[in-house]
């Protein structure tokens, strides 16, 4: 399978998530997909309080609202 067909190119995915105790963890499936990309890659992470513009900023960085909005990930 070509890396261009990976799910990470189809929709926003969570690379870092939290478990039921609030501990942060890497989502291995997403990391495996990213590892298949043979080109230089930049990962952007944003954290902050509820309703402070995190999703807006990520959507702007992604150049619009193509596909699913980032705010619906959780």
N, C-alpha and C. Protein backbone atom coordinates (compact mmCIF):
# COMPACT_ATOMS: atom_id res chain seq x y z
N UNK A 1 0.85 -1.18 0.00
CA UNK A 1 0.00 0.00 0.00
C UNK A 1 0.89 1.25 0.00
N UNK A 2 0.60 2.19 -0.87
CA UNK A 2 1.34 3.45 -0.93
C UNK A 2 1.00 4.30 0.28
N UNK A 3 1.98 5.03 0.75
CA UNK A 3 1.75 5.81 1.96
C UNK A 3 0.69 6.90 1.75
N UNK A 4 0.48 7.35 0.51
CA UNK A 4 -0.52 8.38 0.24
C UNK A 4 -1.94 7.92 0.55
N UNK A 5 -2.16 6.62 0.60
CA UNK A 5 -3.50 6.11 0.88
C UNK A 5 -3.76 5.90 2.37
N UNK A 6 -2.80 6.21 3.20
CA UNK A 6 -2.97 6.07 4.65
C UNK A 6 -4.09 6.98 5.16
N UNK A 7 -4.73 6.56 6.21
CA UNK A 7 -5.83 7.31 6.80
C UNK A 7 -5.40 8.70 7.27
N UNK A 8 -4.13 8.87 7.63
CA UNK A 8 -3.67 10.19 8.10
C UNK A 8 -3.78 11.26 7.02
N UNK A 9 -3.88 10.86 5.76
CA UNK A 9 -4.05 11.83 4.68
C UNK A 9 -5.53 12.05 4.35
N UNK A 10 -6.42 11.28 4.94
CA UNK A 10 -7.84 11.37 4.64
C UNK A 10 -8.60 12.23 5.65
N UNK A 11 -8.14 12.24 6.89
CA UNK A 11 -8.85 12.96 7.95
C UNK A 11 -7.90 13.24 9.11
N UNK A 12 -8.23 14.22 9.95
CA UNK A 12 -7.40 14.48 11.13
C UNK A 12 -7.47 13.29 12.10
N UNK A 13 -6.35 12.91 12.65
CA UNK A 13 -6.30 11.81 13.61
C UNK A 13 -5.52 12.25 14.84
N UNK A 14 -5.86 11.66 15.97
CA UNK A 14 -5.16 11.94 17.23
C UNK A 14 -3.90 11.09 17.32
N UNK A 15 -2.75 11.72 17.45
CA UNK A 15 -1.49 11.01 17.67
C UNK A 15 -1.25 10.79 19.16
N UNK A 16 -1.64 11.75 19.97
CA UNK A 16 -1.52 11.66 21.42
C UNK A 16 -2.92 11.71 22.00
N UNK A 17 -3.25 10.77 22.86
CA UNK A 17 -4.58 10.71 23.48
C UNK A 17 -4.39 10.51 24.97
N UNK A 18 -5.47 10.55 25.71
CA UNK A 18 -5.37 10.30 27.15
C UNK A 18 -6.20 9.08 27.51
N UNK A 19 -5.73 8.33 28.50
CA UNK A 19 -6.47 7.16 28.94
C UNK A 19 -7.50 7.59 29.99
N UNK A 20 -8.20 6.62 30.58
CA UNK A 20 -9.27 6.93 31.53
C UNK A 20 -8.77 7.65 32.78
N UNK A 21 -7.47 7.52 33.07
CA UNK A 21 -6.89 8.19 34.23
C UNK A 21 -6.28 9.55 33.87
N UNK A 22 -6.37 9.95 32.61
CA UNK A 22 -5.83 11.22 32.18
C UNK A 22 -4.37 11.18 31.78
N UNK A 23 -3.77 10.00 31.77
CA UNK A 23 -2.37 9.85 31.37
C UNK A 23 -2.27 9.91 29.85
N UNK A 24 -1.30 10.69 29.34
CA UNK A 24 -1.11 10.81 27.90
C UNK A 24 -0.42 9.58 27.34
N UNK A 25 -0.84 9.19 26.13
CA UNK A 25 -0.26 8.02 25.48
C UNK A 25 -0.25 8.23 23.98
N UNK A 26 0.69 7.58 23.31
CA UNK A 26 0.79 7.63 21.85
C UNK A 26 -0.17 6.60 21.27
N UNK A 27 -0.90 6.99 20.23
CA UNK A 27 -1.79 6.07 19.53
C UNK A 27 -0.94 5.34 18.49
N UNK A 28 -0.63 4.09 18.76
CA UNK A 28 0.33 3.33 17.95
C UNK A 28 -0.07 3.20 16.49
N UNK A 29 -1.36 3.03 16.20
CA UNK A 29 -1.82 2.89 14.82
C UNK A 29 -1.49 4.14 14.01
N UNK A 30 -1.72 5.29 14.60
CA UNK A 30 -1.43 6.55 13.91
C UNK A 30 0.08 6.73 13.75
N UNK A 31 0.84 6.40 14.78
CA UNK A 31 2.30 6.50 14.71
C UNK A 31 2.85 5.58 13.61
N UNK A 32 2.29 4.39 13.48
CA UNK A 32 2.72 3.46 12.43
C UNK A 32 2.47 4.04 11.04
N UNK A 33 1.32 4.70 10.86
CA UNK A 33 1.02 5.32 9.57
C UNK A 33 1.99 6.46 9.26
N UNK A 34 2.29 7.27 10.27
CA UNK A 34 3.22 8.38 10.08
C UNK A 34 4.61 7.85 9.75
N UNK A 35 5.00 6.75 10.36
CA UNK A 35 6.33 6.18 10.13
C UNK A 35 6.52 5.70 8.69
N UNK A 36 5.42 5.45 7.97
CA UNK A 36 5.50 5.01 6.57
C UNK A 36 5.80 6.14 5.60
N UNK A 37 5.69 7.38 6.05
CA UNK A 37 5.88 8.54 5.17
C UNK A 37 7.37 8.77 4.98
N UNK A 38 7.87 8.66 3.75
CA UNK A 38 9.31 8.76 3.52
C UNK A 38 9.82 10.20 3.37
N UNK A 39 8.97 11.17 3.61
CA UNK A 39 9.35 12.57 3.45
C UNK A 39 9.43 13.25 4.81
N UNK A 40 10.08 14.44 4.83
CA UNK A 40 10.15 15.21 6.06
C UNK A 40 8.75 15.60 6.50
N UNK A 41 8.51 15.57 7.79
CA UNK A 41 7.18 15.77 8.33
C UNK A 41 7.26 16.64 9.56
N UNK A 42 6.29 17.54 9.72
CA UNK A 42 6.18 18.34 10.94
C UNK A 42 4.87 17.99 11.61
N UNK A 43 4.92 17.72 12.89
CA UNK A 43 3.72 17.41 13.67
C UNK A 43 3.41 18.63 14.52
N UNK A 44 2.13 19.04 14.52
CA UNK A 44 1.69 20.20 15.30
C UNK A 44 0.78 19.71 16.41
N UNK A 45 1.08 20.14 17.62
CA UNK A 45 0.24 19.80 18.78
C UNK A 45 -0.17 21.09 19.47
N UNK A 46 -1.43 21.15 19.86
CA UNK A 46 -1.94 22.32 20.57
C UNK A 46 -2.73 21.83 21.77
N UNK A 47 -2.46 22.41 22.92
CA UNK A 47 -3.18 22.08 24.15
C UNK A 47 -3.65 23.36 24.80
N UNK A 48 -4.75 23.29 25.51
CA UNK A 48 -5.24 24.48 26.19
C UNK A 48 -6.59 24.26 26.81
N UNK A 49 -7.06 25.30 27.44
CA UNK A 49 -8.35 25.25 28.11
C UNK A 49 -9.49 25.12 27.11
N UNK A 50 -10.63 24.67 27.59
CA UNK A 50 -11.85 24.51 26.82
C UNK A 50 -12.25 25.85 26.18
N UNK A 51 -12.61 25.79 24.89
CA UNK A 51 -13.14 26.93 24.14
C UNK A 51 -12.17 28.12 24.07
N UNK A 52 -10.90 27.83 23.78
CA UNK A 52 -9.92 28.91 23.64
C UNK A 52 -9.32 29.00 22.24
N UNK A 53 -9.94 28.35 21.25
CA UNK A 53 -9.52 28.52 19.86
C UNK A 53 -8.57 27.48 19.31
N UNK A 54 -8.39 26.37 20.01
CA UNK A 54 -7.45 25.33 19.54
C UNK A 54 -7.90 24.76 18.20
N UNK A 55 -9.14 24.37 18.09
CA UNK A 55 -9.65 23.79 16.84
C UNK A 55 -9.62 24.80 15.71
N UNK A 56 -9.97 26.03 16.01
CA UNK A 56 -9.93 27.09 14.99
C UNK A 56 -8.52 27.22 14.43
N UNK A 57 -7.53 27.28 15.30
CA UNK A 57 -6.15 27.43 14.86
C UNK A 57 -5.70 26.23 14.01
N UNK A 58 -6.01 25.02 14.45
CA UNK A 58 -5.63 23.84 13.68
C UNK A 58 -6.33 23.81 12.32
N UNK A 59 -7.60 24.18 12.29
CA UNK A 59 -8.31 24.24 11.01
C UNK A 59 -7.68 25.28 10.08
N UNK A 60 -7.27 26.41 10.62
CA UNK A 60 -6.61 27.44 9.80
C UNK A 60 -5.26 26.93 9.28
N UNK A 61 -4.51 26.23 10.12
CA UNK A 61 -3.24 25.67 9.69
C UNK A 61 -3.43 24.64 8.58
N UNK A 62 -4.53 23.92 8.65
CA UNK A 62 -4.84 22.91 7.64
C UNK A 62 -5.46 23.53 6.38
N UNK A 63 -5.52 24.85 6.34
CA UNK A 63 -6.03 25.62 5.19
C UNK A 63 -7.50 25.36 4.91
N UNK A 64 -8.31 25.45 5.92
CA UNK A 64 -9.73 25.38 5.68
C UNK A 64 -10.39 24.23 6.41
N UNK A 65 -11.61 23.98 6.02
CA UNK A 65 -12.41 22.95 6.66
C UNK A 65 -12.68 21.80 5.71
N UNK A 66 -11.66 21.32 5.03
CA UNK A 66 -11.85 20.18 4.15
C UNK A 66 -12.04 18.94 5.01
N UNK A 67 -13.08 18.22 4.77
CA UNK A 67 -13.32 17.01 5.55
C UNK A 67 -13.86 17.33 6.93
N UNK A 68 -13.64 16.43 7.82
CA UNK A 68 -14.17 16.53 9.17
C UNK A 68 -13.46 17.64 9.94
N UNK A 69 -14.22 18.40 10.70
CA UNK A 69 -13.64 19.44 11.53
C UNK A 69 -12.82 18.81 12.65
N UNK A 70 -11.72 19.43 12.99
CA UNK A 70 -10.85 18.89 14.04
C UNK A 70 -11.55 18.88 15.39
N UNK A 71 -12.51 19.76 15.60
CA UNK A 71 -13.14 19.82 16.91
C UNK A 71 -14.01 18.61 17.22
N UNK A 72 -14.33 17.78 16.22
CA UNK A 72 -15.18 16.62 16.45
C UNK A 72 -14.40 15.36 16.77
N UNK A 73 -13.10 15.49 17.01
CA UNK A 73 -12.28 14.30 17.22
C UNK A 73 -12.57 13.62 18.54
N UNK A 74 -13.01 14.32 19.54
CA UNK A 74 -13.18 13.73 20.88
C UNK A 74 -14.61 13.45 21.17
